[in-house]
Amino acid sequence: QGQVQESGGGLVRAGGSLRLSCAASGSIVSINLMGWYRQVPGNERELVAAIRADGTIVYGDSVKGRFTLSRDNAENTLDLQMDSLKPEDTATYYCNAYVLGSKSWSAVWGQGTQVTVSS
């Protein structure tokens, strides 16, 4: 069964940048959608950005123009470049992938990485 692992979170001042990385591994035949989501305690998990295997990207409204998503299909990795960070970007960021294993498609989530933006 496939799994994903995030890395790259941390503490940064407002206006700064961070880069998050996600690597998919395990028994994966193919990956369709990959994306980043974020969640603040007490709130629902929200889409940050996602990309399909054909390269189509969708960004959440609050991050458009500041965040850039990129994917390496050969390496099964997904990067999120976050620029011009704001305190409201503070959240736990989760990587998600819709993967084809040996028998079926399933959605897998990472454990999350914390991003904290100080004012």
C-alpha atoms as a PDB file:
ATOM      1  CA  GLN A   1       0.000   0.000   0.000  1.00  0.00           C
ATOM      2  CA  GLY A   2       1.208   3.469  -0.797  1.00  0.00           C
ATOM      3  CA  GLN A   3       2.104   6.145   1.702  1.00  0.00           C
ATOM      4  CA  VAL A   4       3.193   9.771   1.667  1.00  0.00           C
ATOM      5  CA  GLN A   5       5.626  11.623   3.882  1.00  0.00           C
ATOM      6  CA  GLU A   6       5.844  15.381   4.302  1.00  0.00           C
ATOM      7  CA  SER A   7       8.870  17.473   5.167  1.00  0.00           C
ATOM      8  CA  GLY A   8       9.884  21.111   5.268  1.00  0.00           C
ATOM      9  CA  GLY A   9       7.626  22.787   7.785  1.00  0.00           C
ATOM     10  CA  GLY A  10       8.877  25.236  10.373  1.00  0.00           C
ATOM     11  CA  LEU A  11       8.719  28.720  11.810  1.00  0.00           C
ATOM     12  CA  VAL A  12       9.078  31.780   9.619  1.00  0.00           C
ATOM     13  CA  ARG A  13       8.328  35.481   9.886  1.00  0.00           C
ATOM     14  CA  ALA A  14       5.569  37.108   7.894  1.00  0.00           C
ATOM     15  CA  GLY A  15       6.739  37.847   4.379  1.00  0.00           C
ATOM     16  CA  GLY A  16       9.149  34.940   4.407  1.00  0.00           C
ATOM     17  CA  SER A  17       9.188  31.696   2.462  1.00  0.00           C
ATOM     18  CA  LEU A  18       9.086  27.977   3.109  1.00  0.00           C
ATOM     19  CA  ARG A  19       9.152  24.961   0.849  1.00  0.00           C
ATOM     20  CA  LEU A  20       7.219  21.821   1.674  1.00  0.00           C
ATOM     21  CA  SER A  21       7.979  18.483   0.091  1.00  0.00           C
ATOM     22  CA  CYS A  22       5.962  15.299  -0.133  1.00  0.00           C
ATOM     23  CA  ALA A  23       7.260  11.930  -1.248  1.00  0.00           C
ATOM     24  CA  ALA A  24       5.031   8.996  -2.125  1.00  0.00           C
ATOM     25  CA  SER A  25       6.370   5.491  -1.691  1.00  0.00           C
ATOM     26  CA  GLY A  26       5.311   1.882  -1.290  1.00  0.00           C
ATOM     27  CA  SER A  27       3.305  -0.371  -3.564  1.00  0.00           C
ATOM     28  CA  ILE A  28       2.121   2.282  -6.004  1.00  0.00           C
ATOM     29  CA  VAL A  29       1.201   1.526  -9.575  1.00  0.00           C
ATOM     30  CA  SER A  30       0.058   5.017 -10.441  1.00  0.00           C
ATOM     31  CA  ILE A  31      -0.851   8.335  -8.830  1.00  0.00           C
ATOM     32  CA  ASN A  32      -3.623  10.561 -10.067  1.00  0.00           C
ATOM     33  CA  LEU A  33      -4.296  13.575  -7.897  1.00  0.00           C
ATOM     34  CA  MET A  34      -1.735  14.910  -5.424  1.00  0.00           C
ATOM     35  CA  GLY A  35      -2.258  17.896  -3.238  1.00  0.00           C
ATOM     36  CA  TRP A  36      -1.622  19.891  -0.115  1.00  0.00           C
ATOM     37  CA  TYR A  37      -4.269  20.649   2.436  1.00  0.00           C
ATOM     38  CA  ARG A  38      -4.077  22.528   5.706  1.00  0.00           C
ATOM     39  CA  GLN A  39      -5.943  22.545   8.949  1.00  0.00           C
ATOM     40  CA  VAL A  40      -6.158  24.765  11.980  1.00  0.00           C
ATOM     41  CA  PRO A  41      -7.573  23.246  15.188  1.00  0.00           C
ATOM     42  CA  GLY A  42     -11.307  23.700  15.254  1.00  0.00           C
ATOM     43  CA  ASN A  43     -11.567  24.251  11.522  1.00  0.00           C
ATOM     44  CA  GLU A  44     -12.134  21.942   8.608  1.00  0.00           C
ATOM     45  CA  ARG A  45      -9.236  20.819   6.468  1.00  0.00           C
ATOM     46  CA  GLU A  46      -9.002  23.050   3.409  1.00  0.00           C
ATOM     47  CA  LEU A  47      -7.401  22.730   0.018  1.00  0.00           C
ATOM     48  CA  VAL A  48      -4.167  24.623  -0.496  1.00  0.00           C
ATOM     49  CA  ALA A  49      -3.263  23.336  -3.949  1.00  0.00           C
ATOM     50  CA  ALA A  50      -3.646  20.154  -5.945  1.00  0.00           C
ATOM     51  CA  ILE A  51      -2.371  18.810  -9.239  1.00  0.00           C
ATOM     52  CA  ARG A  52      -3.605  16.051 -11.480  1.00  0.00           C
ATOM     53  CA  ALA A  53      -1.412  13.650 -13.380  1.00  0.00           C
ATOM     54  CA  ASP A  54      -2.010  15.686 -16.540  1.00  0.00           C
ATOM     55  CA  GLY A  55      -0.541  18.753 -14.856  1.00  0.00           C
ATOM     56  CA  THR A  56      -3.773  20.625 -14.180  1.00  0.00           C
ATOM     57  CA  ILE A  57      -3.363  22.667 -10.993  1.00  0.00           C
ATOM     58  CA  VAL A  58      -5.936  24.239  -8.725  1.00  0.00           C
ATOM     59  CA  TYR A  59      -5.072  26.646  -5.902  1.00  0.00           C
ATOM     60  CA  GLY A  60      -7.104  27.703  -2.932  1.00  0.00           C
ATOM     61  CA  ASP A  61      -8.236  31.312  -3.233  1.00  0.00           C
ATOM     62  CA  SER A  62      -6.251  32.443  -0.209  1.00  0.00           C
ATOM     63  CA  VAL A  63      -2.910  31.277  -1.629  1.00  0.00           C
ATOM     64  CA  LYS A  64      -3.205  32.206  -5.300  1.00  0.00           C
ATOM     65  CA  GLY A  65      -0.250  34.253  -6.463  1.00  0.00           C
ATOM     66  CA  ARG A  66       1.823  33.372  -3.390  1.00  0.00           C
ATOM     67  CA  PHE A  67       2.168  29.587  -3.450  1.00  0.00           C
ATOM     68  CA  THR A  68       3.490  27.455  -6.294  1.00  0.00           C
ATOM     69  CA  LEU A  69       2.893  23.746  -6.653  1.00  0.00           C
ATOM     70  CA  SER A  70       5.151  21.435  -8.607  1.00  0.00           C
ATOM     71  CA  ARG A  71       5.172  17.705  -9.171  1.00  0.00           C
ATOM     72  CA  ASP A  72       7.724  15.190 -10.368  1.00  0.00           C
ATOM     73  CA  ASN A  73       5.796  12.237 -11.757  1.00  0.00           C
ATOM     74  CA  ALA A  74       8.931  10.143 -12.227  1.00  0.00           C
ATOM     75  CA  GLU A  75       9.942  10.549  -8.581  1.00  0.00           C
ATOM     76  CA  ASN A  76       6.410  10.657  -7.132  1.00  0.00           C
ATOM     77  CA  THR A  77       7.173  13.863  -5.302  1.00  0.00           C
ATOM     78  CA  LEU A  78       5.183  17.033  -4.754  1.00  0.00           C
ATOM     79  CA  ASP A  79       6.604  20.375  -3.690  1.00  0.00           C
ATOM     80  CA  LEU A  80       4.863  23.471  -2.431  1.00  0.00           C
ATOM     81  CA  GLN A  81       6.803  26.726  -2.574  1.00  0.00           C
ATOM     82  CA  MET A  82       5.217  29.190  -0.190  1.00  0.00           C
ATOM     83  CA  ASP A  83       6.189  32.847  -0.567  1.00  0.00           C
ATOM     84  CA  SER A  84       4.913  36.027   1.039  1.00  0.00           C
ATOM     85  CA  LEU A  85       3.699  34.030   3.993  1.00  0.00           C
ATOM     86  CA  LYS A  86       1.112  35.528   6.311  1.00  0.00           C
ATOM     87  CA  PRO A  87       0.248  34.695   9.910  1.00  0.00           C
ATOM     88  CA  GLU A  88      -3.049  33.272   8.667  1.00  0.00           C
ATOM     89  CA  ASP A  89      -1.099  30.625   6.765  1.00  0.00           C
ATOM     90  CA  THR A  90      -0.213  29.078  10.106  1.00  0.00           C
ATOM     91  CA  ALA A  91      -1.581  25.531  10.114  1.00  0.00           C
ATOM     92  CA  THR A  92      -0.702  21.888   9.899  1.00  0.00           C
ATOM     93  CA  TYR A  93      -0.114  21.039   6.258  1.00  0.00           C
ATOM     94  CA  TYR A  94      -1.006  17.610   4.947  1.00  0.00           C
ATOM     95  CA  CYS A  95      -0.007  15.889   1.757  1.00  0.00           C
ATOM     96  CA  ASN A  96      -2.623  13.804   0.005  1.00  0.00           C
ATOM     97  CA  ALA A  97      -2.357  11.444  -2.941  1.00  0.00           C
ATOM     98  CA  TYR A  98      -4.892   9.351  -4.807  1.00  0.00           C
ATOM     99  CA  VAL A  99      -2.938   6.237  -5.580  1.00  0.00           C
ATOM    100  CA  LEU A 100      -3.462   2.975  -7.417  1.00  0.00           C
ATOM    101  CA  GLY A 101      -2.120   0.050  -5.448  1.00  0.00           C
ATOM    102  CA  SER A 102      -2.063  -3.562  -6.484  1.00  0.00           C
ATOM    103  CA  LYS A 103      -5.846  -3.828  -6.530  1.00  0.00           C
ATOM    104  CA  SER A 104      -7.609  -0.502  -6.173  1.00  0.00           C
ATOM    105  CA  TRP A 105      -7.438   3.267  -5.888  1.00  0.00           C
ATOM    106  CA  SER A 106      -7.277   4.879  -2.477  1.00  0.00           C
ATOM    107  CA  ALA A 107      -6.587   8.245  -0.900  1.00  0.00           C
ATOM    108  CA  VAL A 108      -3.577   8.392   1.390  1.00  0.00           C
ATOM    109  CA  TRP A 109      -2.631  11.147   3.818  1.00  0.00           C
ATOM    110  CA  GLY A 110       0.604  12.051   5.470  1.00  0.00           C
ATOM    111  CA  GLN A 111       0.946  12.788   9.161  1.00  0.00           C
ATOM    112  CA  GLY A 112       1.266  16.509   8.570  1.00  0.00           C
ATOM    113  CA  THR A 113       3.932  19.137   9.010  1.00  0.00           C
ATOM    114  CA  GLN A 114       3.510  22.305  11.055  1.00  0.00           C
ATOM    115  CA  VAL A 115       3.925  25.721   9.471  1.00  0.00           C
ATOM    116  CA  THR A 116       3.971  28.696  11.812  1.00  0.00           C
ATOM    117  CA  VAL A 117       4.158  32.253  10.526  1.00  0.00           C
ATOM    118  CA  SER A 118       4.885  34.931  13.103  1.00  0.00           C
ATOM    119  CA  SER A 119       3.801  38.539  12.696  1.00  0.00           C
END
